[in-house]
Structures are given as C-alpha cells and as structure tokens.
C-alpha cells in the first residue's frame, strides 16, 4: 500500500470512528440509577422477623419512605450487618425513615410500625382513609397500645400525622425529594394500595397485596396498568414490586386476594398489551409465603412462565437493590 493510499485508508477509519464510535460508547453507557430499595422484610406468612417492608429513596439519598412496615428493627439490623447502613439501627429508624406508606390494614404490613412507635420520631403515615380508620379504631388506642397519632382516641400523642390519599392524585412525600400517587387494589374483603413513587423523571411502582382482576371481579389492576403503560413506553418506570404469595397449585378459593405465578404472568400480559414489550423490565417479587418448598416452587413456576422476558428479582432481607 502506498503512502497516499494508506493516508486515505486511515482517514476513513478515523471518520468511521467519529461517526459510529460515540454511538457505540453511548450504547454501552448504562442509565444512571434512580432508586435504592432496602428490603426490611420480604415474606408473607408467619415469620414476624421478615414481613413486608421496603425502604425506598432516590439513589444516593438517605431520605427514605417505608413501603409497608411489617418488620422494621430486625430488617434494619440485617441491613447494617450487610453494610447497607453505617449507623445504629435506632438512628436508621429515627433519621432515615421519613414516613410510612401502608398499603392495607393487615398486621403483617404494619406490625413493625406499631411495635417501634415508642422509639420513633415524628413522621407521616400515608394511606387510604379506610386503612387510617383501622389505625384510629383498632391499633393506636389506649386499650391496644397507645395513640401515637394526631387523631383518634384521646389523649392523642401526635407523634404520627395521618395523611389520607386521594386515588390518582400526586402527593409530596414530606422531607424527601419524592412524590407518590396511590391507586386502589382489590385484596379479598379489603382495599389495598399501589404506590407509584416519583423521583424527578423516574418512577417505581410498589403494590401491596392484590388479587387478580379475574378472581376479584375488579378492574383495579387494568386501570393501574393503563396509568403506568406510558411510563414503560418512555423507559421511565424502573421497576414493579408485586406479590406472588402461592404456587399455581393453590386453589382459587384459597387465594384470599393474592397472586400465583400463573396469575401474575396473566396480568403482566395485560400490561404488555397496553405498554408494548416488557422485555427486561424489573419485576421485584414480594410476599412469597413459606414453607421453603413452596417458595422454591413459586420461583421455578415464575421462571417457566416468563415468556414475556421480564427480569425477575427476588429481594433478600437487608440487601439493597439499585434500580
């Protein structure tokens, strides 16, 4: 190859790099994390040391909200042991958790809040009105415990402030940079809640206990999927946290407002029909119920049934998840 030909060859190489090189580099750049989730409790069932509770904050922030609060202290201890937090457990409770969002009034979703309330600091409890009413009439009463809230049986100690959600209306999460929109879910005889957290232009969806629309004779999940479908199309939704409580073998009459792998995948197909491809979407599977062989079966059935290509994540108590 002559000098002139070599010159033109190298010029073409440089030109191709300038055109395609940056695009290739951009393709390899991963999106910046938007949320950090710290599971304090991940199971349904009878293990009081590991019941539904997830701290969530903008990535890099220490201003968390707790999505349900079945287990607090035991989960915080696990997170400290795993190096997630560098301060004592009581400081995490008092300083890092800025509020509680309670999906429904069953004890496995709020017992940790009740038990830890004497040592907690002032903050908000966010929920729908019927859930707040159970706090007022059944939990924060002087016969059951003590009234640490700002309403209900006298004397009200006013440590916690009730904030009642209006469905579909965005609400600021006090003392954080986040906002939240609540949507109703059908959970047997109760109204449960889905929380759509917003951090700038990114979103995280957490669902409390829920049955399928088919079995609950409801349109709640369909309406929720309609609300979040645009966020999936625009790649703003970083993940969905949703329950699967029982294996497929559980009879429909014994689901009591919960999902199985088959029912979850059926609901995600409804979402896919509205949002387009769900390929690679983070699905954090919550509320698996012991015993261990049931949990193993649920995981295996989810893997087999995952024909739409979502990314299944099984949270572990005290181990942070970054999305």
C-alpha atoms as a PDB file:
ATOM      1  CA  UNK A   1       0.000   0.000   0.000  1.00  0.00           C
ATOM      2  CA  UNK A   2       1.391   3.362  -0.998  1.00  0.00           C
ATOM      3  CA  UNK A   3       1.682   6.292   1.359  1.00  0.00           C
ATOM      4  CA  UNK A   4      -1.242   8.116  -0.277  1.00  0.00           C
ATOM      5  CA  UNK A   5      -3.470   5.046  -0.171  1.00  0.00           C
ATOM      6  CA  UNK A   6      -2.546   4.418   3.462  1.00  0.00           C
ATOM      7  CA  UNK A   7      -3.392   8.033   4.256  1.00  0.00           C
ATOM      8  CA  UNK A   8      -6.866   7.738   2.714  1.00  0.00           C
ATOM      9  CA  UNK A   9      -7.412   4.381   4.469  1.00  0.00           C
ATOM     10  CA  UNK A  10      -6.596   5.867   7.872  1.00  0.00           C
ATOM     11  CA  UNK A  11      -8.744   8.905   7.154  1.00  0.00           C
ATOM     12  CA  UNK A  12     -11.731   6.623   6.506  1.00  0.00           C
ATOM     13  CA  UNK A  13     -11.068   4.736   9.764  1.00  0.00           C
ATOM     14  CA  UNK A  14     -10.969   7.980  11.746  1.00  0.00           C
ATOM     15  CA  UNK A  15     -14.122   9.217  10.012  1.00  0.00           C
ATOM     16  CA  UNK A  16     -15.992   5.964  10.759  1.00  0.00           C
ATOM     17  CA  UNK A  17     -14.937   6.156  14.404  1.00  0.00           C
ATOM     18  CA  UNK A  18     -16.118   9.744  14.668  1.00  0.00           C
ATOM     19  CA  UNK A  19     -19.497   8.751  13.231  1.00  0.00           C
ATOM     20  CA  UNK A  20     -20.099   5.403  14.886  1.00  0.00           C
ATOM     21  CA  UNK A  21     -17.682   5.348  17.807  1.00  0.00           C
ATOM     22  CA  UNK A  22     -19.580   7.746  20.075  1.00  0.00           C
ATOM     23  CA  UNK A  23     -22.822   5.906  19.313  1.00  0.00           C
ATOM     24  CA  UNK A  24     -21.207   2.647  20.306  1.00  0.00           C
ATOM     25  CA  UNK A  25     -19.923   4.190  23.506  1.00  0.00           C
ATOM     26  CA  UNK A  26     -23.349   5.642  24.249  1.00  0.00           C
ATOM     27  CA  UNK A  27     -24.925   2.237  23.697  1.00  0.00           C
ATOM     28  CA  UNK A  28     -22.648   0.812  26.368  1.00  0.00           C
ATOM     29  CA  UNK A  29     -23.428   3.501  28.944  1.00  0.00           C
ATOM     30  CA  UNK A  30     -25.937   2.216  31.479  1.00  0.00           C
ATOM     31  CA  UNK A  31     -28.699   4.527  32.685  1.00  0.00           C
ATOM     32  CA  UNK A  32     -27.958   6.239  35.962  1.00  0.00           C
ATOM     33  CA  UNK A  33     -29.598   4.570  38.975  1.00  0.00           C
ATOM     34  CA  UNK A  34     -32.755   6.299  40.156  1.00  0.00           C
ATOM     35  CA  UNK A  35     -33.789   4.403  43.297  1.00  0.00           C
ATOM     36  CA  UNK A  36     -32.259   2.461  46.143  1.00  0.00           C
ATOM     37  CA  UNK A  37     -34.502  -0.091  47.853  1.00  0.00           C
ATOM     38  CA  UNK A  38     -33.623  -1.714  51.170  1.00  0.00           C
ATOM     39  CA  UNK A  39     -35.851  -4.722  51.941  1.00  0.00           C
ATOM     40  CA  UNK A  40     -36.519  -4.891  55.682  1.00  0.00           C
ATOM     41  CA  UNK A  41     -38.931  -7.791  55.273  1.00  0.00           C
ATOM     42  CA  UNK A  42     -39.751  -9.787  52.157  1.00  0.00           C
ATOM     43  CA  UNK A  43     -42.096 -12.649  53.096  1.00  0.00           C
ATOM     44  CA  UNK A  44     -45.748 -13.191  53.724  1.00  0.00           C
ATOM     45  CA  UNK A  45     -46.768 -15.675  56.358  1.00  0.00           C
ATOM     46  CA  UNK A  46     -45.887 -16.238  59.994  1.00  0.00           C
ATOM     47  CA  UNK A  47     -42.233 -15.203  60.382  1.00  0.00           C
ATOM     48  CA  UNK A  48     -42.629 -11.981  62.360  1.00  0.00           C
ATOM     49  CA  UNK A  49     -38.947 -11.134  61.806  1.00  0.00           C
ATOM     50  CA  UNK A  50     -39.326 -10.938  58.000  1.00  0.00           C
ATOM     51  CA  UNK A  51     -42.642  -9.382  56.962  1.00  0.00           C
ATOM     52  CA  UNK A  52     -43.373  -6.920  54.162  1.00  0.00           C
ATOM     53  CA  UNK A  53     -41.415  -3.655  54.494  1.00  0.00           C
ATOM     54  CA  UNK A  54     -39.212  -1.854  51.961  1.00  0.00           C
ATOM     55  CA  UNK A  55     -37.291   1.370  52.425  1.00  0.00           C
ATOM     56  CA  UNK A  56     -37.070   3.322  49.153  1.00  0.00           C
ATOM     57  CA  UNK A  57     -35.186   6.527  48.376  1.00  0.00           C
ATOM     58  CA  UNK A  58     -33.678   8.375  45.436  1.00  0.00           C
ATOM     59  CA  UNK A  59     -30.317   6.795  44.676  1.00  0.00           C
ATOM     60  CA  UNK A  60     -27.635   8.408  46.809  1.00  0.00           C
ATOM     61  CA  UNK A  61     -30.146   9.905  49.248  1.00  0.00           C
ATOM     62  CA  UNK A  62     -30.797   8.956  52.867  1.00  0.00           C
ATOM     63  CA  UNK A  63     -34.355  10.303  52.765  1.00  0.00           C
ATOM     64  CA  UNK A  64     -36.332   7.067  52.655  1.00  0.00           C
ATOM     65  CA  UNK A  65     -40.006   6.257  52.775  1.00  0.00           C
ATOM     66  CA  UNK A  66     -41.043   2.847  54.102  1.00  0.00           C
ATOM     67  CA  UNK A  67     -43.407   0.956  51.797  1.00  0.00           C
ATOM     68  CA  UNK A  68     -45.399  -1.089  54.313  1.00  0.00           C
ATOM     69  CA  UNK A  69     -43.915  -1.759  57.742  1.00  0.00           C
ATOM     70  CA  UNK A  70     -44.476  -5.362  58.780  1.00  0.00           C
ATOM     71  CA  UNK A  71     -40.905  -5.727  60.051  1.00  0.00           C
ATOM     72  CA  UNK A  72     -38.611  -2.808  60.873  1.00  0.00           C
ATOM     73  CA  UNK A  73     -35.937  -3.382  63.518  1.00  0.00           C
ATOM     74  CA  UNK A  74     -34.934  -6.927  62.534  1.00  0.00           C
ATOM     75  CA  UNK A  75     -34.614  -5.846  58.906  1.00  0.00           C
ATOM     76  CA  UNK A  76     -32.585  -2.767  59.754  1.00  0.00           C
ATOM     77  CA  UNK A  77     -30.220  -4.978  61.772  1.00  0.00           C
ATOM     78  CA  UNK A  78     -29.785  -7.242  58.732  1.00  0.00           C
ATOM     79  CA  UNK A  79     -29.083  -4.227  56.517  1.00  0.00           C
ATOM     80  CA  UNK A  80     -26.441  -2.982  58.961  1.00  0.00           C
ATOM     81  CA  UNK A  81     -24.825  -6.434  59.043  1.00  0.00           C
ATOM     82  CA  UNK A  82     -24.713  -6.345  55.223  1.00  0.00           C
ATOM     83  CA  UNK A  83     -23.033  -2.923  55.209  1.00  0.00           C
ATOM     84  CA  UNK A  84     -26.003  -1.034  53.766  1.00  0.00           C
ATOM     85  CA  UNK A  85     -26.179   1.340  56.739  1.00  0.00           C
ATOM     86  CA  UNK A  86     -23.247   2.598  58.826  1.00  0.00           C
ATOM     87  CA  UNK A  87     -25.178   3.949  61.789  1.00  0.00           C
ATOM     88  CA  UNK A  88     -27.002   2.189  64.662  1.00  0.00           C
ATOM     89  CA  UNK A  89     -30.441   0.720  63.999  1.00  0.00           C
ATOM     90  CA  UNK A  90     -32.267   3.239  66.163  1.00  0.00           C
ATOM     91  CA  UNK A  91     -30.757   6.082  64.123  1.00  0.00           C
ATOM     92  CA  UNK A  92     -31.851   4.476  60.859  1.00  0.00           C
ATOM     93  CA  UNK A  93     -35.379   4.273  62.257  1.00  0.00           C
ATOM     94  CA  UNK A  94     -35.375   7.834  63.544  1.00  0.00           C
ATOM     95  CA  UNK A  95     -33.332   9.661  60.894  1.00  0.00           C
ATOM     96  CA  UNK A  96     -33.550   7.784  57.585  1.00  0.00           C
ATOM     97  CA  UNK A  97     -37.209   6.714  57.512  1.00  0.00           C
ATOM     98  CA  UNK A  98     -39.152   9.892  56.763  1.00  0.00           C
ATOM     99  CA  UNK A  99     -42.616   8.350  56.573  1.00  0.00           C
ATOM    100  CA  UNK A 100     -44.665   5.178  56.157  1.00  0.00           C
ATOM    101  CA  UNK A 101     -46.931   4.229  53.268  1.00  0.00           C
ATOM    102  CA  UNK A 102     -49.249   1.466  54.419  1.00  0.00           C
ATOM    103  CA  UNK A 103     -50.998  -0.477  51.671  1.00  0.00           C
ATOM    104  CA  UNK A 104     -53.722  -2.005  53.862  1.00  0.00           C
ATOM    105  CA  UNK A 105     -54.571  -2.734  57.457  1.00  0.00           C
ATOM    106  CA  UNK A 106     -53.429  -6.341  57.857  1.00  0.00           C
ATOM    107  CA  UNK A 107     -50.943  -6.778  60.695  1.00  0.00           C
ATOM    108  CA  UNK A 108     -48.209  -8.333  58.551  1.00  0.00           C
ATOM    109  CA  UNK A 109     -47.930  -4.977  56.756  1.00  0.00           C
ATOM    110  CA  UNK A 110     -47.824  -2.639  59.753  1.00  0.00           C
ATOM    111  CA  UNK A 111     -46.862  -4.529  62.925  1.00  0.00           C
ATOM    112  CA  UNK A 112     -43.297  -3.174  62.872  1.00  0.00           C
ATOM    113  CA  UNK A 113     -44.594   0.395  62.823  1.00  0.00           C
ATOM    114  CA  UNK A 114     -46.793  -0.266  65.865  1.00  0.00           C
ATOM    115  CA  UNK A 115     -44.121  -2.057  67.896  1.00  0.00           C
ATOM    116  CA  UNK A 116     -41.398   0.510  67.159  1.00  0.00           C
ATOM    117  CA  UNK A 117     -43.606   3.566  67.645  1.00  0.00           C
ATOM    118  CA  UNK A 118     -42.422   4.371  71.208  1.00  0.00           C
ATOM    119  CA  UNK A 119     -38.843   4.874  69.970  1.00  0.00           C
ATOM    120  CA  UNK A 120     -39.672   6.502  66.634  1.00  0.00           C
ATOM    121  CA  UNK A 121     -39.609  10.173  65.667  1.00  0.00           C
ATOM    122  CA  UNK A 122     -42.392  12.363  64.276  1.00  0.00           C
ATOM    123  CA  UNK A 123     -43.373  11.497  60.712  1.00  0.00           C
ATOM    124  CA  UNK A 124     -46.335  10.878  58.421  1.00  0.00           C
ATOM    125  CA  UNK A 125     -48.402   7.752  57.918  1.00  0.00           C
ATOM    126  CA  UNK A 126     -49.785   7.749  54.356  1.00  0.00           C
ATOM    127  CA  UNK A 127     -52.753   5.511  53.470  1.00  0.00           C
ATOM    128  CA  UNK A 128     -56.275   5.418  52.141  1.00  0.00           C
ATOM    129  CA  UNK A 129     -58.999   6.503  54.547  1.00  0.00           C
ATOM    130  CA  UNK A 130     -60.252   3.016  55.412  1.00  0.00           C
ATOM    131  CA  UNK A 131     -56.757   1.941  56.454  1.00  0.00           C
ATOM    132  CA  UNK A 132     -56.306   5.085  58.558  1.00  0.00           C
ATOM    133  CA  UNK A 133     -59.624   4.302  60.263  1.00  0.00           C
ATOM    134  CA  UNK A 134     -58.274   0.914  61.399  1.00  0.00           C
ATOM    135  CA  UNK A 135     -55.232   2.646  62.909  1.00  0.00           C
ATOM    136  CA  UNK A 136     -57.552   5.022  64.767  1.00  0.00           C
ATOM    137  CA  UNK A 137     -60.085   2.472  65.960  1.00  0.00           C
ATOM    138  CA  UNK A 138     -58.054  -0.697  66.463  1.00  0.00           C
ATOM    139  CA  UNK A 139     -54.284  -0.172  66.750  1.00  0.00           C
ATOM    140  CA  UNK A 140     -53.500   3.275  68.127  1.00  0.00           C
ATOM    141  CA  UNK A 141     -55.944   3.074  71.019  1.00  0.00           C
ATOM    142  CA  UNK A 142     -55.149   3.050  74.701  1.00  0.00           C
ATOM    143  CA  UNK A 143     -56.522  -0.463  75.166  1.00  0.00           C
ATOM    144  CA  UNK A 144     -54.484  -1.976  72.344  1.00  0.00           C
ATOM    145  CA  UNK A 145     -51.266   0.098  72.622  1.00  0.00           C
ATOM    146  CA  UNK A 146     -51.115   3.889  72.858  1.00  0.00           C
ATOM    147  CA  UNK A 147     -52.334   6.556  70.495  1.00  0.00           C
ATOM    148  CA  UNK A 148     -49.137   7.901  68.960  1.00  0.00           C
ATOM    149  CA  UNK A 149     -51.068   9.625  66.161  1.00  0.00           C
ATOM    150  CA  UNK A 150     -52.619  13.056  65.766  1.00  0.00           C
ATOM    151  CA  UNK A 151     -56.224  11.802  65.569  1.00  0.00           C
ATOM    152  CA  UNK A 152     -58.358   9.230  67.318  1.00  0.00           C
ATOM    153  CA  UNK A 153     -58.752   8.273  70.953  1.00  0.00           C
ATOM    154  CA  UNK A 154     -57.700  10.910  73.490  1.00  0.00           C
ATOM    155  CA  UNK A 155     -55.121  11.711  74.541  1.00  0.00           C
ATOM    156  CA  UNK A 156     -53.515  11.804  71.079  1.00  0.00           C
ATOM    157  CA  UNK A 157     -49.714  11.937  71.448  1.00  0.00           C
ATOM    158  CA  UNK A 158     -49.328  13.451  67.939  1.00  0.00           C
ATOM    159  CA  UNK A 159     -46.063  11.730  67.011  1.00  0.00           C
ATOM    160  CA  UNK A 160     -47.509  10.481  63.736  1.00  0.00           C
ATOM    161  CA  UNK A 161     -49.575  12.547  61.322  1.00  0.00           C
ATOM    162  CA  UNK A 162     -52.172  10.795  59.199  1.00  0.00           C
ATOM    163  CA  UNK A 163     -52.111  11.759  55.524  1.00  0.00           C
ATOM    164  CA  UNK A 164     -55.066  10.392  53.578  1.00  0.00           C
ATOM    165  CA  UNK A 165     -54.506   9.573  49.905  1.00  0.00           C
ATOM    166  CA  UNK A 166     -56.908  10.567  47.164  1.00  0.00           C
ATOM    167  CA  UNK A 167     -56.754   7.917  44.418  1.00  0.00           C
ATOM    168  CA  UNK A 168     -54.818   9.046  41.361  1.00  0.00           C
ATOM    169  CA  UNK A 169     -53.677  12.365  42.888  1.00  0.00           C
ATOM    170  CA  UNK A 170     -49.944  13.017  43.248  1.00  0.00           C
ATOM    171  CA  UNK A 171     -48.871  13.788  46.818  1.00  0.00           C
ATOM    172  CA  UNK A 172     -45.490  15.140  48.005  1.00  0.00           C
ATOM    173  CA  UNK A 173     -43.613  12.789  50.321  1.00  0.00           C
ATOM    174  CA  UNK A 174     -42.706  15.120  53.166  1.00  0.00           C
ATOM    175  CA  UNK A 175     -38.993  15.543  53.980  1.00  0.00           C
ATOM    176  CA  UNK A 176     -37.943  13.766  50.763  1.00  0.00           C
ATOM    177  CA  UNK A 177     -37.481  14.742  47.120  1.00  0.00           C
ATOM    178  CA  UNK A 178     -40.153  12.254  46.034  1.00  0.00           C
ATOM    179  CA  UNK A 179     -43.822  12.368  45.158  1.00  0.00           C
ATOM    180  CA  UNK A 180     -46.324   9.492  45.223  1.00  0.00           C
ATOM    181  CA  UNK A 181     -49.596   8.627  43.543  1.00  0.00           C
ATOM    182  CA  UNK A 182     -51.813   5.965  45.147  1.00  0.00           C
ATOM    183  CA  UNK A 183     -54.115   3.575  43.298  1.00  0.00           C
ATOM    184  CA  UNK A 184     -56.658   1.149  44.819  1.00  0.00           C
ATOM    185  CA  UNK A 185     -56.198  -2.626  44.608  1.00  0.00           C
ATOM    186  CA  UNK A 186     -58.606  -5.452  45.380  1.00  0.00           C
ATOM    187  CA  UNK A 187     -57.466  -7.714  48.217  1.00  0.00           C
ATOM    188  CA  UNK A 188     -60.288 -10.043  49.196  1.00  0.00           C
ATOM    189  CA  UNK A 189     -62.518  -8.035  51.555  1.00  0.00           C
ATOM    190  CA  UNK A 190     -60.144  -5.048  51.763  1.00  0.00           C
ATOM    191  CA  UNK A 191     -58.959  -2.216  49.589  1.00  0.00           C
ATOM    192  CA  UNK A 192     -55.196  -2.453  49.228  1.00  0.00           C
ATOM    193  CA  UNK A 193     -52.930   0.112  47.578  1.00  0.00           C
ATOM    194  CA  UNK A 194     -50.354   0.544  44.841  1.00  0.00           C
ATOM    195  CA  UNK A 195     -47.822   3.336  45.364  1.00  0.00           C
ATOM    196  CA  UNK A 196     -46.248   4.979  42.306  1.00  0.00           C
ATOM    197  CA  UNK A 197     -43.145   6.755  43.594  1.00  0.00           C
ATOM    198  CA  UNK A 198     -41.641   9.544  41.510  1.00  0.00           C
ATOM    199  CA  UNK A 199     -38.034  10.747  41.711  1.00  0.00           C
ATOM    200  CA  UNK A 200     -37.584  13.533  39.177  1.00  0.00           C
ATOM    201  CA  UNK A 201     -38.413  11.837  35.858  1.00  0.00           C
ATOM    202  CA  UNK A 202     -38.107   8.243  37.133  1.00  0.00           C
ATOM    203  CA  UNK A 203     -40.745   6.038  38.732  1.00  0.00           C
ATOM    204  CA  UNK A 204     -41.015   2.955  40.950  1.00  0.00           C
ATOM    205  CA  UNK A 205     -44.269   1.040  41.422  1.00  0.00           C
ATOM    206  CA  UNK A 206     -44.987  -0.891  44.625  1.00  0.00           C
ATOM    207  CA  UNK A 207     -48.124  -2.975  45.016  1.00  0.00           C
ATOM    208  CA  UNK A 208     -49.438  -4.140  48.341  1.00  0.00           C
ATOM    209  CA  UNK A 209     -51.326  -7.428  48.500  1.00  0.00           C
ATOM    210  CA  UNK A 210     -53.577  -7.870  45.488  1.00  0.00           C
ATOM    211  CA  UNK A 211     -55.663 -10.463  43.773  1.00  0.00           C
ATOM    212  CA  UNK A 212     -56.121 -10.732  40.034  1.00  0.00           C
ATOM    213  CA  UNK A 213     -58.861  -8.771  38.319  1.00  0.00           C
ATOM    214  CA  UNK A 214     -60.327 -12.038  37.082  1.00  0.00           C
ATOM    215  CA  UNK A 215     -60.851 -13.563  40.521  1.00  0.00           C
ATOM    216  CA  UNK A 216     -61.535 -10.337  42.425  1.00  0.00           C
ATOM    217  CA  UNK A 217     -64.153  -9.245  39.866  1.00  0.00           C
ATOM    218  CA  UNK A 218     -62.293  -5.960  39.639  1.00  0.00           C
ATOM    219  CA  UNK A 219     -60.802  -3.556  37.105  1.00  0.00           C
ATOM    220  CA  UNK A 220     -58.233  -2.134  39.546  1.00  0.00           C
ATOM    221  CA  UNK A 221     -55.161  -3.764  38.014  1.00  0.00           C
ATOM    222  CA  UNK A 222     -56.284  -2.981  34.484  1.00  0.00           C
ATOM    223  CA  UNK A 223     -56.721   0.670  35.446  1.00  0.00           C
ATOM    224  CA  UNK A 224     -53.309   0.688  37.121  1.00  0.00           C
ATOM    225  CA  UNK A 225     -51.694  -0.816  34.021  1.00  0.00           C
ATOM    226  CA  UNK A 226     -53.330   1.881  31.912  1.00  0.00           C
ATOM    227  CA  UNK A 227     -51.844   4.552  34.180  1.00  0.00           C
ATOM    228  CA  UNK A 228     -48.278   3.207  34.047  1.00  0.00           C
ATOM    229  CA  UNK A 229     -48.145   1.989  30.435  1.00  0.00           C
ATOM    230  CA  UNK A 230     -46.870   5.364  29.126  1.00  0.00           C
ATOM    231  CA  UNK A 231     -44.044   5.269  31.711  1.00  0.00           C
ATOM    232  CA  UNK A 232     -42.932   1.885  30.391  1.00  0.00           C
ATOM    233  CA  UNK A 233     -43.018   3.098  26.796  1.00  0.00           C
ATOM    234  CA  UNK A 234     -40.848   6.092  27.761  1.00  0.00           C
ATOM    235  CA  UNK A 235     -38.494   3.909  29.863  1.00  0.00           C
ATOM    236  CA  UNK A 236     -39.205   5.980  32.966  1.00  0.00           C
ATOM    237  CA  UNK A 237     -40.550   3.120  35.090  1.00  0.00           C
ATOM    238  CA  UNK A 238     -37.550   1.475  36.758  1.00  0.00           C
ATOM    239  CA  UNK A 239     -39.367  -1.475  38.259  1.00  0.00           C
ATOM    240  CA  UNK A 240     -42.547  -3.029  39.623  1.00  0.00           C
ATOM    241  CA  UNK A 241     -42.693  -4.573  43.087  1.00  0.00           C
ATOM    242  CA  UNK A 242     -45.560  -7.047  43.138  1.00  0.00           C
ATOM    243  CA  UNK A 243     -46.618 -10.008  45.260  1.00  0.00           C
ATOM    244  CA  UNK A 244     -46.788 -13.710  44.434  1.00  0.00           C
ATOM    245  CA  UNK A 245     -47.959 -15.482  47.561  1.00  0.00           C
ATOM    246  CA  UNK A 246     -48.769 -19.034  46.478  1.00  0.00           C
ATOM    247  CA  UNK A 247     -47.761 -21.654  43.886  1.00  0.00           C
ATOM    248  CA  UNK A 248     -50.069 -22.385  40.973  1.00  0.00           C
ATOM    249  CA  UNK A 249     -51.452 -25.417  42.800  1.00  0.00           C
ATOM    250  CA  UNK A 250     -53.229 -23.226  45.375  1.00  0.00           C
ATOM    251  CA  UNK A 251     -56.995 -23.456  44.723  1.00  0.00           C
ATOM    252  CA  UNK A 252     -58.626 -20.206  43.632  1.00  0.00           C
ATOM    253  CA  UNK A 253     -60.977 -20.332  46.631  1.00  0.00           C
ATOM    254  CA  UNK A 254     -57.941 -20.376  48.954  1.00  0.00           C
ATOM    255  CA  UNK A 255     -56.018 -17.445  47.462  1.00  0.00           C
ATOM    256  CA  UNK A 256     -57.728 -14.846  49.706  1.00  0.00           C
ATOM    257  CA  UNK A 257     -56.839 -11.953  47.406  1.00  0.00           C
ATOM    258  CA  UNK A 258     -53.318 -12.999  46.398  1.00  0.00           C
ATOM    259  CA  UNK A 259     -51.468 -13.916  43.199  1.00  0.00           C
ATOM    260  CA  UNK A 260     -49.847 -17.078  41.867  1.00  0.00           C
ATOM    261  CA  UNK A 261     -47.151 -17.236  39.155  1.00  0.00           C
ATOM    262  CA  UNK A 262     -49.796 -18.005  36.540  1.00  0.00           C
ATOM    263  CA  UNK A 263     -51.978 -15.097  37.605  1.00  0.00           C
ATOM    264  CA  UNK A 264     -49.046 -12.666  37.746  1.00  0.00           C
ATOM    265  CA  UNK A 265     -47.931 -13.554  34.233  1.00  0.00           C
ATOM    266  CA  UNK A 266     -51.504 -13.238  33.004  1.00  0.00           C
ATOM    267  CA  UNK A 267     -51.711  -9.731  34.494  1.00  0.00           C
ATOM    268  CA  UNK A 268     -48.323  -8.770  33.047  1.00  0.00           C
ATOM    269  CA  UNK A 269     -49.568  -9.864  29.639  1.00  0.00           C
ATOM    270  CA  UNK A 270     -52.471  -7.421  30.046  1.00  0.00           C
ATOM    271  CA  UNK A 271     -49.902  -4.735  30.870  1.00  0.00           C
ATOM    272  CA  UNK A 272     -47.791  -5.730  27.875  1.00  0.00           C
ATOM    273  CA  UNK A 273     -50.798  -5.384  25.590  1.00  0.00           C
ATOM    274  CA  UNK A 274     -51.034  -1.739  26.667  1.00  0.00           C
ATOM    275  CA  UNK A 275     -47.363  -0.832  27.075  1.00  0.00           C
ATOM    276  CA  UNK A 276     -45.730  -2.864  24.325  1.00  0.00           C
ATOM    277  CA  UNK A 277     -42.735  -5.028  25.117  1.00  0.00           C
ATOM    278  CA  UNK A 278     -41.887  -5.633  28.782  1.00  0.00           C
ATOM    279  CA  UNK A 279     -38.561  -7.210  27.814  1.00  0.00           C
ATOM    280  CA  UNK A 280     -36.037  -6.560  30.595  1.00  0.00           C
ATOM    281  CA  UNK A 281     -38.487  -4.736  32.873  1.00  0.00           C
ATOM    282  CA  UNK A 282     -37.523  -5.231  36.534  1.00  0.00           C
ATOM    283  CA  UNK A 283     -40.162  -7.221  38.416  1.00  0.00           C
ATOM    284  CA  UNK A 284     -39.359  -7.493  42.128  1.00  0.00           C
ATOM    285  CA  UNK A 285     -41.372 -10.416  43.502  1.00  0.00           C
ATOM    286  CA  UNK A 286     -42.630  -9.799  47.033  1.00  0.00           C
ATOM    287  CA  UNK A 287     -44.686 -11.554  49.731  1.00  0.00           C
ATOM    288  CA  UNK A 288     -43.709 -15.164  48.955  1.00  0.00           C
ATOM    289  CA  UNK A 289     -45.214 -17.340  51.662  1.00  0.00           C
ATOM    290  CA  UNK A 290     -43.327 -20.164  53.379  1.00  0.00           C
ATOM    291  CA  UNK A 291     -42.678 -23.078  53.647  1.00  0.00           C
ATOM    292  CA  UNK A 292     -39.401 -23.161  51.742  1.00  0.00           C
ATOM    293  CA  UNK A 293     -40.561 -25.769  49.233  1.00  0.00           C
ATOM    294  CA  UNK A 294     -43.493 -23.531  48.283  1.00  0.00           C
ATOM    295  CA  UNK A 295     -41.106 -20.609  47.731  1.00  0.00           C
ATOM    296  CA  UNK A 296     -38.857 -22.779  45.551  1.00  0.00           C
ATOM    297  CA  UNK A 297     -41.885 -23.877  43.531  1.00  0.00           C
ATOM    298  CA  UNK A 298     -43.055 -20.282  43.059  1.00  0.00           C
ATOM    299  CA  UNK A 299     -39.636 -19.267  41.732  1.00  0.00           C
ATOM    300  CA  UNK A 300     -39.497 -22.235  39.360  1.00  0.00           C
ATOM    301  CA  UNK A 301     -43.025 -21.605  38.061  1.00  0.00           C
ATOM    302  CA  UNK A 302     -42.273 -17.924  37.507  1.00  0.00           C
ATOM    303  CA  UNK A 303     -39.154 -18.791  35.505  1.00  0.00           C
ATOM    304  CA  UNK A 304     -41.070 -21.247  33.314  1.00  0.00           C
ATOM    305  CA  UNK A 305     -43.992 -18.887  32.824  1.00  0.00           C
ATOM    306  CA  UNK A 306     -41.862 -15.840  31.994  1.00  0.00           C
ATOM    307  CA  UNK A 307     -42.453 -15.882  28.251  1.00  0.00           C
ATOM    308  CA  UNK A 308     -42.565 -12.075  28.030  1.00  0.00           C
ATOM    309  CA  UNK A 309     -38.951 -11.637  29.135  1.00  0.00           C
ATOM    310  CA  UNK A 310     -39.240  -9.574  32.306  1.00  0.00           C
ATOM    311  CA  UNK A 311     -36.290  -9.537  34.713  1.00  0.00           C
ATOM    312  CA  UNK A 312     -37.382 -11.373  37.863  1.00  0.00           C
ATOM    313  CA  UNK A 313     -35.752 -10.161  41.073  1.00  0.00           C
ATOM    314  CA  UNK A 314     -36.251 -11.919  44.410  1.00  0.00           C
ATOM    315  CA  UNK A 315     -35.377  -9.489  47.213  1.00  0.00           C
ATOM    316  CA  UNK A 316     -33.376 -10.630  50.220  1.00  0.00           C
ATOM    317  CA  UNK A 317     -33.839  -9.136  53.650  1.00  0.00           C
ATOM    318  CA  UNK A 318     -31.222  -6.473  54.367  1.00  0.00           C
ATOM    319  CA  UNK A 319     -29.641  -6.470  50.894  1.00  0.00           C
ATOM    320  CA  UNK A 320     -30.027  -3.285  48.869  1.00  0.00           C
ATOM    321  CA  UNK A 321     -31.471  -3.217  45.356  1.00  0.00           C
ATOM    322  CA  UNK A 322     -30.489  -0.419  42.962  1.00  0.00           C
ATOM    323  CA  UNK A 323     -32.736   0.414  40.011  1.00  0.00           C
END
